[in-house]
Protein backbone atom coordinates (compact mmCIF):
# COMPACT_ATOMS: atom_id res chain seq x y z
CA MET A 1 0.00 0.00 0.00
CA GLY A 2 3.01 2.31 0.09
CA ILE A 3 2.72 3.06 3.79
CA CYS A 4 5.98 3.52 5.62
CA GLN A 5 6.51 2.92 9.31
CA GLY A 6 9.48 5.23 9.95
CA LYS A 7 10.97 6.69 13.11
CA LEU A 8 8.47 9.52 13.02
CA PRO A 9 5.43 9.72 15.32
CA GLU A 10 2.35 7.79 14.32
CA THR A 11 0.30 9.53 17.02
CA PRO A 12 -0.07 13.34 16.96
CA LYS A 13 0.30 15.64 19.93
CA PRO A 14 -3.07 16.62 21.47
CA LEU A 15 -4.10 20.27 21.35
CA ASN A 16 -5.32 22.02 24.47
CA CYS A 17 -8.71 23.76 24.53
CA GLU A 18 -7.27 27.18 23.72
CA LEU A 19 -5.46 25.94 20.61
CA ARG A 20 -8.47 23.95 19.41
CA GLU A 21 -10.62 27.05 19.83
CA LYS A 22 -8.29 28.98 17.49
CA LEU A 23 -9.03 26.45 14.75
CA ARG A 24 -12.82 26.59 15.10
CA SER A 25 -13.38 29.91 13.31
CA PRO A 26 -11.45 29.63 10.01
CA ILE A 27 -13.10 27.95 7.04
CA ILE A 28 -11.20 24.77 6.24
CA VAL A 29 -11.34 23.32 2.73
CA PHE A 30 -9.56 20.06 1.98
CA VAL A 31 -8.54 19.63 -1.67
CA ILE A 32 -7.83 16.05 -2.69
CA GLY A 33 -6.51 14.70 -5.98
CA GLY A 34 -3.77 12.57 -7.43
CA PRO A 35 -0.34 14.01 -8.20
CA GLY A 36 -0.68 16.07 -11.37
CA SER A 37 -4.46 16.56 -11.02
CA GLY A 38 -4.07 20.35 -10.86
CA LYS A 39 -5.11 20.82 -7.24
CA GLY A 40 -2.02 22.86 -6.30
CA LEU A 41 -2.44 25.34 -9.15
CA HIS A 42 -6.09 25.96 -8.38
CA CYS A 43 -5.57 26.13 -4.61
CA ALA A 44 -3.08 28.95 -5.16
CA ARG A 45 -5.60 30.85 -7.30
CA LEU A 46 -8.43 30.23 -4.86
CA ALA A 47 -6.32 31.40 -1.92
CA THR A 48 -5.63 34.67 -3.73
CA LYS A 49 -9.28 35.20 -4.63
CA TYR A 50 -10.68 34.52 -1.16
CA ASN A 51 -7.73 35.79 0.91
CA PHE A 52 -7.30 32.35 2.46
CA TYR A 53 -4.03 30.56 3.15
CA HIS A 54 -2.91 27.82 0.78
CA MET A 55 -1.23 25.01 2.66
CA ALA A 56 0.24 22.28 0.45
CA VAL A 57 1.05 19.39 2.77
CA GLY A 58 3.47 17.87 0.27
CA GLU A 59 5.35 21.16 0.06
CA LEU A 60 5.50 21.43 3.86
CA LEU A 61 7.04 17.95 3.97
CA ARG A 62 9.54 18.79 1.23
CA GLU A 63 10.59 21.89 3.18
CA GLU A 64 11.09 19.75 6.27
CA ALA A 65 13.17 17.32 4.22
CA LYS A 66 15.51 20.17 3.20
CA LYS A 67 16.22 21.33 6.74
CA ALA A 68 19.80 20.40 7.55
CA THR A 69 19.18 20.92 11.27
CA SER A 70 16.15 18.64 11.40
CA SER A 71 16.71 15.11 12.71
CA SER A 72 13.72 13.94 10.67
CA SER A 73 14.80 15.46 7.33
CA LYS A 74 16.59 12.39 5.94
CA ILE A 75 13.77 10.05 6.99
CA ILE A 76 11.18 12.24 5.26
CA LYS A 77 13.29 12.53 2.11
CA ASP A 78 13.80 8.77 1.90
CA ILE A 79 10.08 8.08 2.41
CA MET A 80 9.01 10.59 -0.28
CA LEU A 81 11.56 9.35 -2.80
CA ARG A 82 9.99 5.88 -2.50
CA GLY A 83 6.55 7.36 -3.15
CA ALA A 84 5.46 6.18 0.30
CA LEU A 85 3.65 7.97 3.14
CA VAL A 86 5.12 9.94 6.01
CA PRO A 87 3.55 8.68 9.29
CA ALA A 88 0.22 10.28 10.11
CA GLY A 89 1.21 11.64 13.52
CA PHE A 90 4.08 13.64 12.08
CA VAL A 91 1.91 15.00 9.25
CA MET A 92 -0.82 16.09 11.70
CA ASP A 93 1.69 17.83 13.99
CA LEU A 94 3.24 19.64 11.02
CA LEU A 95 -0.19 20.67 9.71
CA THR A 96 -1.65 21.95 12.98
CA ASP A 97 1.59 23.72 13.97
CA THR A 98 1.56 25.56 10.65
CA MET A 99 -2.12 26.46 10.94
CA LEU A 100 -1.67 27.80 14.47
CA ARG A 101 1.28 29.97 13.39
CA THR A 102 -0.97 31.61 10.81
CA GLU A 103 -2.52 34.51 12.69
CA ASN A 104 -6.04 35.80 11.97
CA ALA A 105 -6.65 33.37 9.12
CA LYS A 106 -10.09 33.63 7.47
CA GLY A 107 -9.67 30.23 5.94
CA PHE A 108 -7.35 27.52 4.63
CA PHE A 109 -7.15 25.58 1.40
CA ILE A 110 -5.33 22.45 2.54
CA ASP A 111 -3.94 20.77 -0.53
CA GLY A 112 -3.11 17.06 -0.57
CA PHE A 113 -4.73 16.15 2.74
CA PRO A 114 -5.92 13.80 4.08
CA ARG A 115 -4.00 10.94 2.53
CA GLY A 116 -5.73 7.96 4.02
CA ILE A 117 -8.66 7.45 6.36
CA ARG A 118 -6.41 7.56 9.44
CA GLN A 119 -5.37 11.14 8.64
CA ALA A 120 -9.01 12.12 8.08
CA ARG A 121 -10.08 10.76 11.46
CA LEU A 122 -7.02 12.10 13.28
CA PHE A 123 -7.76 15.60 12.01
CA GLU A 124 -11.22 15.56 13.57
CA GLU A 125 -9.86 14.01 16.76
CA VAL A 126 -7.07 16.59 17.17
CA VAL A 127 -8.80 19.72 15.84
CA GLY A 128 -12.24 18.85 17.18
CA ARG A 129 -14.20 19.30 13.97
CA PRO A 130 -14.29 18.17 10.32
CA PRO A 131 -13.42 20.44 7.39
CA ASN A 132 -16.18 22.68 6.04
CA ILE A 133 -16.00 21.02 2.62
CA VAL A 134 -13.83 18.60 0.64
CA ILE A 135 -13.11 19.21 -3.06
CA VAL A 136 -11.80 16.24 -5.05
CA PHE A 137 -10.15 16.67 -8.46
CA ASP A 138 -11.09 13.77 -10.75
CA CYS A 139 -8.39 13.18 -13.35
CA SER A 140 -7.35 10.14 -15.42
CA THR A 141 -4.16 8.27 -14.58
CA GLU A 142 -2.63 8.87 -18.02
CA THR A 143 -3.31 12.60 -17.87
CA MET A 144 -1.64 12.86 -14.47
CA ILE A 145 1.38 10.84 -15.62
CA GLN A 146 1.84 12.99 -18.73
CA ARG A 147 1.56 16.20 -16.72
CA LEU A 148 4.13 15.02 -14.18
CA LEU A 149 6.55 13.78 -16.85
CA LEU A 150 6.27 17.18 -18.53
CA ARG A 151 7.01 18.86 -15.19
CA SER A 152 10.01 16.57 -14.71
CA HIS A 153 11.79 18.34 -17.58
CA THR A 154 12.10 21.40 -15.34
CA GLY A 155 13.98 19.33 -12.76
CA THR A 156 12.24 21.01 -9.83
CA ARG A 157 11.00 17.84 -8.12
CA ALA A 158 13.13 14.83 -7.24
CA ASP A 159 10.07 12.54 -7.26
CA ASP A 160 8.93 13.42 -10.82
CA HIS A 161 10.26 10.25 -12.45
CA GLU A 162 7.96 7.67 -14.02
CA ARG A 163 8.70 4.83 -11.58
CA ILE A 164 8.10 7.08 -8.57
CA ILE A 165 5.09 8.71 -10.26
CA ARG A 166 3.41 5.34 -10.75
CA GLN A 167 4.14 4.39 -7.14
CA ARG A 168 2.68 7.69 -5.94
CA LEU A 169 -0.46 7.12 -8.03
CA GLU A 170 -0.84 3.56 -6.76
CA THR A 171 -0.58 4.85 -3.19
CA HIS A 172 -3.08 7.63 -3.94
CA TYR A 173 -5.72 5.29 -5.39
CA THR A 174 -5.30 2.73 -2.62
CA LEU A 175 -5.74 5.27 0.12
CA SER A 176 -8.20 7.74 -1.39
CA GLU A 177 -11.22 5.45 -1.88
CA PRO A 178 -12.09 5.07 1.84
CA VAL A 179 -11.45 8.81 2.36
CA LEU A 180 -13.86 9.78 -0.41
CA THR A 181 -16.48 7.37 0.94
CA TYR A 182 -16.01 8.82 4.44
CA TYR A 183 -16.63 12.40 3.31
CA LEU A 184 -19.43 11.38 0.94
CA GLN A 185 -21.27 9.87 3.91
CA LYS A 186 -20.83 13.19 5.74
CA SER A 187 -22.21 15.09 2.69
CA LEU A 188 -18.96 17.08 2.50
CA LEU A 189 -17.63 15.80 -0.83
CA ARG A 190 -17.69 17.90 -4.02
CA ASN A 191 -16.26 16.48 -7.27
CA VAL A 192 -14.59 18.64 -9.91
CA LEU A 193 -13.40 17.23 -13.24
CA GLY A 194 -9.69 18.02 -13.44
CA GLU A 195 -9.45 17.62 -17.22
CA GLU A 196 -11.76 20.48 -18.20
CA PRO A 197 -10.36 23.87 -19.29
CA SER A 198 -8.66 25.67 -16.43
CA GLU A 199 -11.18 28.52 -16.21
CA ILE A 200 -14.10 26.09 -15.98
CA ILE A 201 -12.37 24.15 -13.20
CA PHE A 202 -11.66 27.37 -11.31
CA ALA A 203 -15.26 28.59 -11.70
CA LYS A 204 -16.63 25.29 -10.36
CA CYS A 205 -14.29 25.46 -7.36
CA CYS A 206 -15.38 29.04 -6.70
CA SER A 207 -19.02 27.96 -6.78
CA VAL A 208 -18.29 25.35 -4.09
CA VAL A 209 -16.45 27.85 -1.89
CA ASP A 210 -19.15 30.51 -2.36
CA ASP A 211 -21.77 28.05 -1.10
CA VAL A 212 -19.64 27.36 1.99
CA LEU A 213 -19.23 31.09 2.64
CA LYS A 214 -22.99 31.64 2.39
CA GLY A 215 -23.68 28.85 4.84
CA HIS A 216 -20.98 30.16 7.18
CA SER A 217 -22.53 33.64 7.14
CA VAL A 218 -25.96 32.25 7.99
CA GLN A 219 -24.53 30.34 10.95
CA ASP A 220 -22.76 33.47 12.21
């Protein structure tokens, strides 16, 4: 399944009541999709439009892997180069620490999370609530592979090689099905076709977020 049991925590640190309270107000949108589905590009645009923060979990992990002073950097790098998963406890701690450092946030687009049902459940356990909505980018395997191979020519990502790409996709499909079912049962899932023209994809995402904002205003 591509899951790695490394020397990183499997269980996240609990948050006290004060810290959990800080995470109750912002709108939280999870954006799920395979590597190369376009979720990162559209999250960045959405964050600009709505003045939310874009948090790409994969990018946070890559930044951790680059830190020479971090004892976990080599472990993270090795895990990601195999197309495997960083343990859920470490990912949750990294995510919540980053969210809590972001002062006065109206909302978050959290890109590439959760990866696996354990991460989905841990988020609710630690933060004390589910996300406001979950957007999933539907995109064919071949389209994602071609996009990633094209990106590999820029040399910006060490894991953009076909063998690793296929492993990453296998891991994504294995883990995403129970996550999508979980959020579908909670009526939080919204599907967007990731192979339509970019402006259509963006407009559909905006429509989802606008609906969340309207509902949030009514509750307030």
